[in-house]
Amino acid sequence: MNDTPQQIGKYRIVREVGRGATAIVYLAENPYYPEPVAIKHVRFKDKVRDEAKWNRRVLKLLKAEAAVAQRLDHPNIIRVMDVVFDPDEAYIVMEYFPGVTLERYCGFERLLPVHRAISIVFKCCMALDYAYRQGIVHRDIKPANILVDDEDNVKITDFGLALNINKKVESDSTFIMGVGSPAYMSPEQIKSYPLNQKTDLYSLGVVLFHLLTGRLPFRATNPAQLIYKIINADPPSVTQLNPELPELMNSIIRKALEKDLYSRYKNGAEFAKDLSAVRYKIVDDTAVQADTSRFSMLRKLSFFTEFDDIELWEVYRISSWRKADERTLLIREKDADQRFGIILEGSVEASIDGRRVARLGPGEVFGELAWLDSLDHRHMMSVVSIEPTTYIEINPSALALASEEIQELFRRLLSTVLAKRFGAAVRELARDREPALRGDLTASGLDLQLVDD
C-alpha cells in the first residue's frame, strides 16, 4: 500500500527518498521556488499514553534540529528553509541534495580511493569546526548522517541530537543523555561526561577508519564488550588492515581516536590540516577496484564458514594468491617456514619421508603445523601439487599484523583441523593393532565410591 501523501502544506510531493525511525523524507516541489526540496515529515500517532510520550520526544528532536540547523550556513551542512509544527504533524523543509550516505562506501567491496575518502572527511572537519564556532556539537556523526554525491560534494545532516553548548545543560532542550550511535561514540560520550567539539572529531575519526579499512576500529559480539573496548582498548593501525594506505594515516587516526581529550585534535581545522598533508603526498589518484570474484571464491570455501564478510575481506588483504603447475613442491619437509595454504582449486599431496600421508582438495588447509608450532616453526610434511592448483598463501608476518579477531579465528580453526586429522590418524593407526583390553563394567569408574580415611 502506497501511503505517500500528494501534498504537505504548500509542497507537492514527488516521491519518498528515505525513511527512518522517526520520520519519512520526501522529494518535493515548492510552487514559489524553482529548486526541489527535501521534506522530513512526522505524522504524530494517536495520543495514547506511550505514543504520546514518543510524540513528545520526536517533537523535541525536530525542534532541536530546526533551531540548530537554521543557525548554520555552511556549504557542507544541509540548509533548512522552513519549519512547521501542527498538532497532528510536523515537518522540516531542507535543501534537496541528490547524494547517498557514506554507508554505501563502508564495505570493503566499495571502498573509495584514499584521496577521495580524505577529501570527504576533510570537508566534514571544516563543517564541524564551523558548527562548533556557532556553539553546536552534532553528537551523532556517523556514515548515515553524511551525504556525498558523485563529485564528492558533502553535506552533514540530521542535527536532531545536536547540543547547544551556549546553554546550560539543565535548561537545554536538546540535551538527551546517551544519544549517539554506540559504534561511533567517543569514550566521554559513553561515560556521559560533558561534551565539546572533540567528541564529534572522535566520531569522524571512526568514520574515516571505516572508510579506509571497511570495518570499525572496535568490534564486539555484544554492547557491553563494545563499550569496554571503546573506553579501554587501542584500535588496530589502519595500515595493518589496509597495507596500501600511507603510513601517516596511522598517526592521524590515532590522534583522532585518542581517549585522552588533551591528546586528541583540538578542533576540526587541525584535523583537516593533517589530512591535507597526507592528500598532498598522494601522487597516484587512480582507484583499483577490489576483486569481488576472488572474494566470492573465498566465501564458498568451507574453511571460512565462521568468518563474516568483514573478516573475510581482511583475509583477502593479508593473503597472497598462488597458482602452481602439476607436481610443484609447495612446502618442503623440515624447512623453518611458517607459511600455510588453503586450496581454492585443484589438489595436493602431503608426505613424510617420501611416504604419502594425505591428499587434500578445495577448502582444505596445508602447512598449518609449522604455524601452530610455537617452538621449532618447522614443517613436518612436504606438500606437492597433484594437478594445476590455485591456493591462497598466508604469511605469518602478514597474519601477525592482522586484527586480533582474525588471528584468534585462525588459531581456533587450525587447531580444530589439527585435532580432527590427529583423530583420523590415530584411528587409521589402530586398524592393524592387536585388540585392546576390555574393562570390567562392574569395576568401572561409574561404580567407584569415596572411601573415608
Protein backbone atom coordinates (compact mmCIF):
# COMPACT_ATOMS: atom_id res chain seq x y z
CA MET A 1 0.00 0.00 0.00
CA ASN A 2 1.37 3.41 -1.00
CA ASP A 3 0.96 5.85 1.90
CA THR A 4 2.89 8.70 0.24
CA PRO A 5 0.86 11.93 0.52
CA GLN A 6 0.34 14.07 -2.56
CA GLN A 7 0.80 17.33 -0.69
CA ILE A 8 2.36 18.50 2.58
CA GLY A 9 1.49 22.10 3.29
CA LYS A 10 2.21 24.08 0.15
CA TYR A 11 4.70 21.49 -1.10
CA ARG A 12 3.79 18.94 -3.78
CA ILE A 13 5.31 15.53 -3.02
CA VAL A 14 7.24 13.90 -5.87
CA ARG A 15 8.40 10.69 -4.18
CA GLU A 16 9.78 9.18 -0.99
CA VAL A 17 13.59 9.28 -0.75
CA GLY A 18 14.26 7.98 2.75
CA ARG A 19 12.68 6.52 5.85
CA GLY A 20 13.96 6.43 9.42
CA ALA A 21 12.76 5.53 12.89
CA THR A 22 11.03 8.87 13.48
CA ALA A 23 10.42 10.46 10.08
CA ILE A 24 9.96 9.98 6.35
CA VAL A 25 11.89 12.14 3.89
CA TYR A 26 10.25 13.16 0.62
CA LEU A 27 11.45 14.90 -2.52
CA ALA A 28 9.05 17.81 -3.05
CA GLU A 29 8.42 20.88 -5.17
CA ASN A 30 7.74 24.41 -3.98
CA PRO A 31 5.40 26.33 -6.29
CA TYR A 32 7.24 29.57 -5.44
CA TYR A 33 10.80 28.21 -5.65
CA PRO A 34 12.42 26.62 -8.74
CA GLU A 35 14.72 24.16 -6.94
CA PRO A 36 13.41 20.87 -5.48
CA VAL A 37 13.40 20.48 -1.70
CA ALA A 38 13.53 17.63 0.80
CA ILE A 39 10.85 17.40 3.49
CA LYS A 40 11.43 15.50 6.72
CA HIS A 41 7.88 14.66 7.77
CA VAL A 42 6.47 13.21 11.00
CA ARG A 43 2.81 12.37 11.46
CA PHE A 44 2.09 12.00 15.15
CA LYS A 45 0.39 8.85 16.35
CA ASP A 46 -2.77 8.60 18.43
CA LYS A 47 -2.25 10.21 21.77
CA VAL A 48 -2.44 7.10 23.93
CA ARG A 49 -0.07 7.11 26.88
CA ASP A 50 3.08 5.51 25.42
CA GLU A 51 2.69 7.04 21.98
CA ALA A 52 2.08 10.50 23.43
CA LYS A 53 5.42 10.20 25.21
CA TRP A 54 7.04 9.10 21.94
CA ASN A 55 5.41 12.02 20.12
CA ARG A 56 6.83 14.49 22.62
CA ARG A 57 10.32 13.04 22.20
CA VAL A 58 10.12 13.16 18.39
CA LEU A 59 8.79 16.73 18.54
CA LYS A 60 11.65 17.65 20.84
CA LEU A 61 14.20 16.26 18.37
CA LEU A 62 12.59 18.03 15.43
CA LYS A 63 12.50 21.35 17.23
CA ALA A 64 16.12 20.90 18.24
CA GLU A 65 17.14 20.12 14.66
CA ALA A 66 15.21 23.10 13.34
CA ALA A 67 16.60 25.50 15.94
CA VAL A 68 20.17 24.35 15.36
CA ALA A 69 20.17 23.92 11.58
CA GLN A 70 18.61 27.33 10.93
CA ARG A 71 21.61 28.91 12.66
CA LEU A 72 24.10 27.08 10.43
CA ASP A 73 25.02 28.35 6.98
CA HIS A 74 27.86 26.27 5.57
CA PRO A 75 28.31 24.62 2.14
CA ASN A 76 28.85 21.22 3.78
CA ILE A 77 25.82 21.34 6.11
CA ILE A 78 22.26 20.74 4.90
CA ARG A 79 20.40 24.08 4.83
CA VAL A 80 16.96 24.35 6.48
CA MET A 81 14.45 26.66 4.76
CA ASP A 82 11.14 26.15 6.55
CA VAL A 83 9.79 24.53 9.73
CA VAL A 84 6.13 23.75 10.51
CA PHE A 85 4.68 22.27 13.70
CA ASP A 86 0.99 21.32 13.71
CA PRO A 87 -1.00 19.30 16.27
CA ASP A 88 -1.05 16.18 14.04
CA GLU A 89 2.19 16.54 12.10
CA ALA A 90 5.48 18.37 11.85
CA TYR A 91 7.92 18.81 9.02
CA ILE A 92 11.22 20.45 8.19
CA VAL A 93 11.90 21.71 4.67
CA MET A 94 15.52 21.42 3.63
CA GLU A 95 17.61 21.80 0.53
CA TYR A 96 17.50 18.67 -1.61
CA PHE A 97 20.87 17.02 -2.05
CA PRO A 98 20.91 14.17 -4.61
CA GLY A 99 23.59 12.10 -2.94
CA VAL A 100 23.92 8.89 -0.94
CA THR A 101 25.04 8.33 2.62
CA LEU A 102 28.61 7.29 3.34
CA GLU A 103 27.25 3.91 4.46
CA ARG A 104 27.44 2.94 0.79
CA TYR A 105 31.25 3.20 0.89
CA CYS A 106 31.97 1.47 4.20
CA GLY A 107 32.04 -2.07 2.82
CA PHE A 108 35.38 -3.33 1.53
CA GLU A 109 33.94 -4.14 -1.89
CA ARG A 110 33.02 -0.45 -2.34
CA LEU A 111 35.84 1.38 -0.57
CA LEU A 112 36.63 4.78 -2.02
CA PRO A 113 40.15 5.60 -3.25
CA VAL A 114 42.21 7.06 -0.41
CA HIS A 115 42.33 10.56 -1.88
CA ARG A 116 38.51 10.67 -2.13
CA ALA A 117 37.97 9.42 1.42
CA ILE A 118 40.42 12.04 2.70
CA SER A 119 38.73 14.79 0.69
CA ILE A 120 35.28 13.92 2.07
CA VAL A 121 36.43 13.77 5.69
CA PHE A 122 38.42 17.00 5.21
CA LYS A 123 35.18 18.80 4.27
CA CYS A 124 33.43 17.27 7.28
CA CYS A 125 36.23 18.54 9.52
CA MET A 126 35.74 22.09 8.30
CA ALA A 127 31.94 21.87 8.62
CA LEU A 128 32.17 20.61 12.21
CA ASP A 129 34.75 23.27 13.01
CA TYR A 130 32.31 25.90 11.73
CA ALA A 131 29.39 24.38 13.68
CA TYR A 132 31.37 24.41 16.91
CA ARG A 133 32.26 28.05 16.43
CA GLN A 134 28.50 28.65 16.30
CA GLY A 135 28.23 26.77 19.60
CA ILE A 136 26.92 23.49 18.14
CA VAL A 137 28.14 19.93 18.76
CA HIS A 138 26.44 17.38 16.46
CA ARG A 139 26.80 14.33 18.80
CA ASP A 140 25.75 11.75 16.20
CA ILE A 141 28.39 11.82 13.47
CA LYS A 142 28.24 8.54 11.54
CA PRO A 143 28.17 7.47 7.86
CA ALA A 144 24.35 7.55 7.78
CA ASN A 145 24.39 11.27 8.61
CA ILE A 146 26.90 12.28 5.93
CA LEU A 147 25.70 12.64 2.35
CA VAL A 148 28.02 12.63 -0.67
CA ASP A 149 27.45 12.81 -4.42
CA ASP A 150 29.48 11.55 -7.40
CA GLU A 151 31.64 14.69 -7.37
CA ASP A 152 32.41 14.32 -3.65
CA ASN A 153 30.25 17.25 -2.61
CA VAL A 154 29.47 16.65 1.06
CA LYS A 155 26.55 17.52 3.33
CA ILE A 156 26.28 16.75 7.04
CA THR A 157 22.67 16.24 8.06
CA ASP A 158 20.44 15.23 10.99
CA PHE A 159 21.19 17.73 13.73
CA GLY A 160 18.29 16.43 15.82
CA LEU A 161 20.65 15.29 18.58
CA ALA A 162 22.86 18.38 18.46
CA LEU A 163 23.95 20.06 21.69
CA ASN A 164 23.87 23.83 22.06
CA ILE A 165 26.90 24.40 24.26
CA ASN A 166 25.97 28.05 24.81
CA LYS A 167 23.08 26.91 27.01
CA LYS A 168 23.25 25.34 30.42
CA VAL A 169 22.65 21.59 30.32
CA GLU A 170 19.78 21.82 32.81
CA SER A 171 17.80 24.11 30.54
CA ASP A 172 18.98 22.81 27.19
CA SER A 173 16.01 21.30 25.41
CA THR A 174 18.32 19.40 23.07
CA PHE A 175 20.23 17.60 25.82
CA ILE A 176 19.36 13.92 25.93
CA MET A 177 21.56 11.52 27.87
CA GLY A 178 23.17 8.68 25.92
CA VAL A 179 22.44 9.96 22.43
CA GLY A 180 24.56 8.84 19.52
CA SER A 181 25.33 5.59 17.72
CA PRO A 182 27.39 3.31 20.02
CA ALA A 183 30.00 2.18 17.49
CA TYR A 184 30.86 5.83 16.69
CA MET A 185 30.55 7.28 20.19
CA SER A 186 33.57 8.74 22.00
CA PRO A 187 34.67 7.41 25.42
CA GLU A 188 33.48 10.60 27.12
CA GLN A 189 30.10 10.34 25.41
CA ILE A 190 29.64 6.78 26.63
CA LYS A 191 30.54 7.92 30.15
CA SER A 192 28.03 10.81 29.92
CA TYR A 193 30.79 13.35 30.54
CA PRO A 194 30.42 16.98 29.38
CA LEU A 195 30.95 17.20 25.63
CA ASN A 196 32.70 19.62 23.30
CA GLN A 197 33.73 19.56 19.65
CA LYS A 198 36.28 16.83 20.31
CA THR A 199 33.53 14.21 20.60
CA ASP A 200 32.48 14.95 17.01
CA LEU A 201 36.11 14.71 15.87
CA TYR A 202 36.43 11.30 17.55
CA SER A 203 33.28 10.09 15.77
CA LEU A 204 34.61 11.47 12.49
CA GLY A 205 37.85 9.59 13.13
CA VAL A 206 35.82 6.38 13.41
CA VAL A 207 34.08 7.25 10.12
CA LEU A 208 37.47 7.77 8.45
CA PHE A 209 38.74 4.46 9.86
CA HIS A 210 35.64 2.73 8.44
CA LEU A 211 36.05 4.35 5.02
CA LEU A 212 39.73 3.35 4.79
CA THR A 213 39.51 -0.23 6.06
CA GLY A 214 35.94 -1.43 5.54
CA ARG A 215 35.50 -2.18 9.24
CA LEU A 216 35.07 -0.41 12.56
CA PRO A 217 38.04 0.13 14.90
CA PHE A 218 36.22 -1.66 17.71
CA ARG A 219 34.11 -4.73 17.06
CA ALA A 220 32.33 -6.87 19.63
CA THR A 221 29.65 -9.51 19.98
CA ASN A 222 27.60 -7.53 22.50
CA PRO A 223 27.14 -3.87 23.58
CA ALA A 224 28.96 -4.31 26.90
CA GLN A 225 32.08 -5.64 25.20
CA LEU A 226 31.93 -2.84 22.62
CA ILE A 227 31.70 -0.19 25.33
CA TYR A 228 34.63 -1.76 27.20
CA LYS A 229 36.79 -1.69 24.06
CA ILE A 230 35.92 1.92 23.23
CA ILE A 231 36.88 3.00 26.73
CA ASN A 232 39.94 0.80 27.25
CA ALA A 233 41.32 -0.80 24.07
CA ASP A 234 43.63 0.63 21.42
CA PRO A 235 42.36 0.42 17.82
CA PRO A 236 44.42 -1.53 15.26
CA SER A 237 46.51 0.58 12.92
CA VAL A 238 44.82 1.24 9.59
CA THR A 239 47.87 0.12 7.61
CA GLN A 240 47.65 -3.29 9.27
CA LEU A 241 44.16 -3.66 7.88
CA ASN A 242 44.90 -1.98 4.55
CA PRO A 243 48.63 -2.03 3.66
CA GLU A 244 48.02 0.24 0.66
CA LEU A 245 47.35 3.23 2.93
CA PRO A 246 50.02 5.89 3.56
CA GLU A 247 51.87 5.29 6.84
CA LEU A 248 51.00 8.80 8.02
CA MET A 249 47.33 7.77 8.23
CA ASN A 250 48.18 5.73 11.35
CA SER A 251 49.18 8.78 13.37
CA ILE A 252 46.18 10.80 12.14
CA ILE A 253 43.68 8.09 13.07
CA ARG A 254 45.46 7.50 16.38
CA LYS A 255 45.22 11.19 17.27
CA ALA A 256 41.56 11.42 16.23
CA LEU A 257 40.71 8.36 18.36
CA GLU A 258 42.70 9.41 21.42
CA LYS A 259 40.87 8.57 24.63
CA ASP A 260 42.71 11.41 26.36
CA LEU A 261 40.92 14.62 25.35
CA TYR A 262 44.11 16.68 25.72
CA SER A 263 45.91 14.49 23.16
CA ARG A 264 43.06 14.45 20.62
CA TYR A 265 42.70 17.03 17.84
CA LYS A 266 41.65 20.29 19.46
CA ASN A 267 39.47 21.39 16.55
CA GLY A 268 38.35 20.41 13.07
CA ALA A 269 40.81 22.75 11.38
CA GLU A 270 43.77 20.96 12.98
CA PHE A 271 42.38 17.58 11.89
CA ALA A 272 41.83 18.92 8.36
CA LYS A 273 45.37 20.30 8.19
CA ASP A 274 46.89 16.87 8.83
CA LEU A 275 44.58 15.28 6.28
CA SER A 276 45.63 17.81 3.65
CA ALA A 277 49.28 16.93 4.32
CA VAL A 278 48.56 13.28 3.51
CA ARG A 279 46.47 14.19 0.48
CA TYR A 280 49.34 16.32 -0.84
CA LYS A 281 51.69 13.32 -0.74
CA ILE A 282 49.34 11.03 -2.67
CA VAL A 283 50.56 11.21 -6.26
CA ASP A 284 48.55 8.39 -7.84
CA ASP A 285 44.81 9.08 -7.70
CA THR A 286 43.85 6.02 -9.72
CA ALA A 287 41.47 3.64 -7.99
CA VAL A 288 41.86 -0.12 -8.08
CA GLN A 289 38.55 -1.89 -7.62
CA ALA A 290 38.57 -4.81 -5.20
CA ASP A 291 38.40 -8.18 -6.96
CA THR A 292 34.97 -9.37 -5.83
CA SER A 293 35.25 -12.58 -7.87
CA ARG A 294 38.14 -13.72 -5.69
CA PHE A 295 36.22 -12.78 -2.57
CA SER A 296 33.33 -14.92 -3.83
CA MET A 297 35.69 -17.88 -4.20
CA LEU A 298 36.83 -17.49 -0.60
CA ARG A 299 33.22 -17.16 0.58
CA LYS A 300 32.35 -20.58 -0.90
CA LEU A 301 35.11 -22.44 0.98
CA SER A 302 34.02 -24.48 4.00
CA PHE A 303 37.10 -23.31 5.93
CA PHE A 304 35.74 -19.75 6.01
CA THR A 305 32.19 -20.59 7.12
CA GLU A 306 32.71 -18.90 10.51
CA PHE A 307 34.23 -15.73 9.00
CA ASP A 308 31.84 -12.84 8.49
CA ASP A 309 32.28 -10.69 5.38
CA ILE A 310 34.41 -8.05 7.12
CA GLU A 311 36.78 -10.71 8.44
CA LEU A 312 36.92 -12.44 5.08
CA TRP A 313 37.85 -9.18 3.34
CA GLU A 314 40.69 -8.85 5.82
CA VAL A 315 41.87 -12.37 4.94
CA TYR A 316 41.72 -11.34 1.29
CA ARG A 317 44.01 -8.41 2.08
CA ILE A 318 46.67 -10.31 4.02
CA SER A 319 46.83 -13.39 1.77
CA SER A 320 48.71 -13.98 -1.48
CA TRP A 321 47.05 -15.63 -4.48
CA ARG A 322 49.17 -18.52 -5.80
CA LYS A 323 48.97 -20.82 -8.83
CA ALA A 324 51.07 -23.97 -9.13
CA ASP A 325 51.55 -26.34 -12.04
CA GLU A 326 51.30 -30.10 -11.69
CA ARG A 327 53.97 -31.71 -9.43
CA THR A 328 55.19 -28.42 -7.96
CA LEU A 329 56.81 -28.54 -4.50
CA LEU A 330 54.83 -26.09 -2.34
CA ILE A 331 56.29 -26.90 1.09
CA ARG A 332 59.48 -28.78 1.95
CA GLU A 333 59.64 -31.08 4.94
CA LYS A 334 61.76 -29.73 7.87
CA ASP A 335 62.00 -26.20 6.42
CA ALA A 336 61.77 -23.44 9.07
CA ASP A 337 58.97 -21.67 7.26
CA GLN A 338 55.58 -20.95 8.83
CA ARG A 339 53.64 -20.19 5.67
CA PHE A 340 50.50 -22.24 5.15
CA GLY A 341 47.97 -22.50 2.36
CA ILE A 342 44.26 -23.05 1.75
CA ILE A 343 43.31 -24.75 -1.52
CA LEU A 344 40.89 -22.97 -3.84
CA GLU A 345 41.05 -25.25 -6.89
CA GLY A 346 42.99 -28.44 -7.58
CA SER A 347 44.58 -30.85 -5.10
CA VAL A 348 47.86 -31.54 -3.30
CA GLU A 349 49.62 -34.48 -1.70
CA ALA A 350 51.20 -34.33 1.76
CA SER A 351 54.04 -36.74 2.56
CA ILE A 352 56.59 -37.63 5.25
CA ASP A 353 59.93 -39.27 4.42
CA GLY A 354 58.74 -39.92 0.87
CA ARG A 355 55.53 -41.67 2.01
CA ARG A 356 52.13 -40.26 1.18
CA VAL A 357 50.11 -39.17 4.20
CA ALA A 358 47.08 -37.49 2.65
CA ARG A 359 45.52 -35.94 -0.42
CA LEU A 360 43.83 -32.58 0.10
CA GLY A 361 41.35 -30.68 -2.06
CA PRO A 362 39.44 -27.37 -2.20
CA GLY A 363 38.72 -25.79 1.17
CA GLU A 364 41.42 -27.79 2.94
CA VAL A 365 44.48 -26.31 4.58
CA PHE A 366 48.09 -27.47 4.36
CA GLY A 367 51.30 -26.47 6.16
CA GLU A 368 49.48 -25.32 9.28
CA LEU A 369 51.60 -27.37 11.70
CA ALA A 370 54.61 -25.06 11.38
CA TRP A 371 52.49 -22.00 12.26
CA LEU A 372 50.91 -23.74 15.23
CA ASP A 373 54.31 -24.99 16.46
CA SER A 374 55.49 -22.18 18.74
CA LEU A 375 58.95 -23.74 19.31
CA ASP A 376 60.58 -25.14 16.14
CA HIS A 377 58.40 -23.49 13.45
CA ARG A 378 59.30 -26.33 11.06
CA HIS A 379 57.16 -28.13 8.53
CA MET A 380 56.55 -31.77 9.35
CA MET A 381 55.47 -32.73 5.82
CA SER A 382 56.26 -31.95 2.22
CA VAL A 383 53.40 -30.79 0.03
CA VAL A 384 53.31 -31.27 -3.77
CA SER A 385 50.55 -30.28 -6.20
CA ILE A 386 48.91 -33.28 -7.85
CA GLU A 387 47.40 -31.18 -10.66
CA PRO A 388 47.34 -27.44 -11.55
CA THR A 389 46.32 -25.90 -8.25
CA THR A 390 45.22 -22.47 -7.06
CA TYR A 391 45.55 -21.62 -3.37
CA ILE A 392 45.89 -18.68 -1.04
CA GLU A 393 49.10 -18.44 0.94
CA ILE A 394 49.06 -16.96 4.44
CA ASN A 395 52.37 -15.48 5.51
CA PRO A 396 52.82 -15.42 9.32
CA SER A 397 54.31 -11.92 9.24
CA ALA A 398 51.17 -10.63 7.50
CA LEU A 399 48.91 -12.56 9.85
CA ALA A 400 50.77 -11.09 12.85
CA LEU A 401 49.69 -7.62 11.66
CA ALA A 402 46.05 -8.65 11.22
CA SER A 403 43.34 -7.87 13.76
CA GLU A 404 43.04 -9.92 16.93
CA GLU A 405 39.74 -11.37 15.69
CA ILE A 406 41.40 -12.80 12.57
CA GLN A 407 44.35 -14.26 14.47
CA GLU A 408 42.06 -15.90 17.01
CA LEU A 409 39.83 -17.36 14.28
CA PHE A 410 42.84 -18.91 12.52
CA ARG A 411 44.21 -20.33 15.78
CA ARG A 412 40.87 -21.89 16.66
CA LEU A 413 40.08 -23.27 13.22
CA LEU A 414 43.58 -24.61 12.54
CA SER A 415 43.64 -26.24 15.95
CA THR A 416 40.32 -27.90 15.11
CA VAL A 417 41.71 -29.08 11.75
CA LEU A 418 44.77 -30.48 13.52
CA ALA A 419 42.66 -32.27 16.16
CA LYS A 420 40.46 -33.90 13.51
CA ARG A 421 43.46 -35.04 11.47
CA PHE A 422 45.15 -36.40 14.57
CA GLY A 423 41.99 -38.32 15.44
CA ALA A 424 41.78 -39.74 11.91
CA ALA A 425 45.47 -40.71 12.00
CA VAL A 426 45.11 -42.49 15.35
CA ARG A 427 42.04 -44.34 14.08
CA GLU A 428 43.99 -45.44 10.99
CA LEU A 429 46.91 -46.49 13.17
CA ALA A 430 44.60 -48.60 15.33
CA ARG A 431 43.37 -50.68 12.37
CA ASP A 432 46.29 -53.14 12.35
CA ARG A 433 46.86 -53.16 16.10
CA GLU A 434 46.05 -56.03 18.42
CA PRO A 435 42.69 -55.97 20.23
CA ALA A 436 42.52 -53.70 23.24
CA LEU A 437 41.81 -54.75 26.79
CA ARG A 438 38.18 -54.58 27.72
CA GLY A 439 37.45 -53.20 31.16
CA ASP A 440 35.09 -54.86 33.59
CA LEU A 441 31.97 -52.71 33.77
CA THR A 442 31.38 -53.71 37.38
CA ALA A 443 34.76 -52.24 38.28
CA SER A 444 34.44 -49.16 36.12
CA GLY A 445 34.72 -45.63 37.32
CA LEU A 446 30.95 -45.43 37.25
CA ASP A 447 30.79 -47.64 40.33
CA LEU A 448 33.71 -46.19 42.24
CA GLN A 449 32.83 -44.89 45.68
CA LEU A 450 34.51 -42.46 48.00
CA VAL A 451 36.26 -44.08 50.97
CA ASP A 452 36.77 -42.19 54.18
CA ASP A 453 40.31 -42.03 55.57
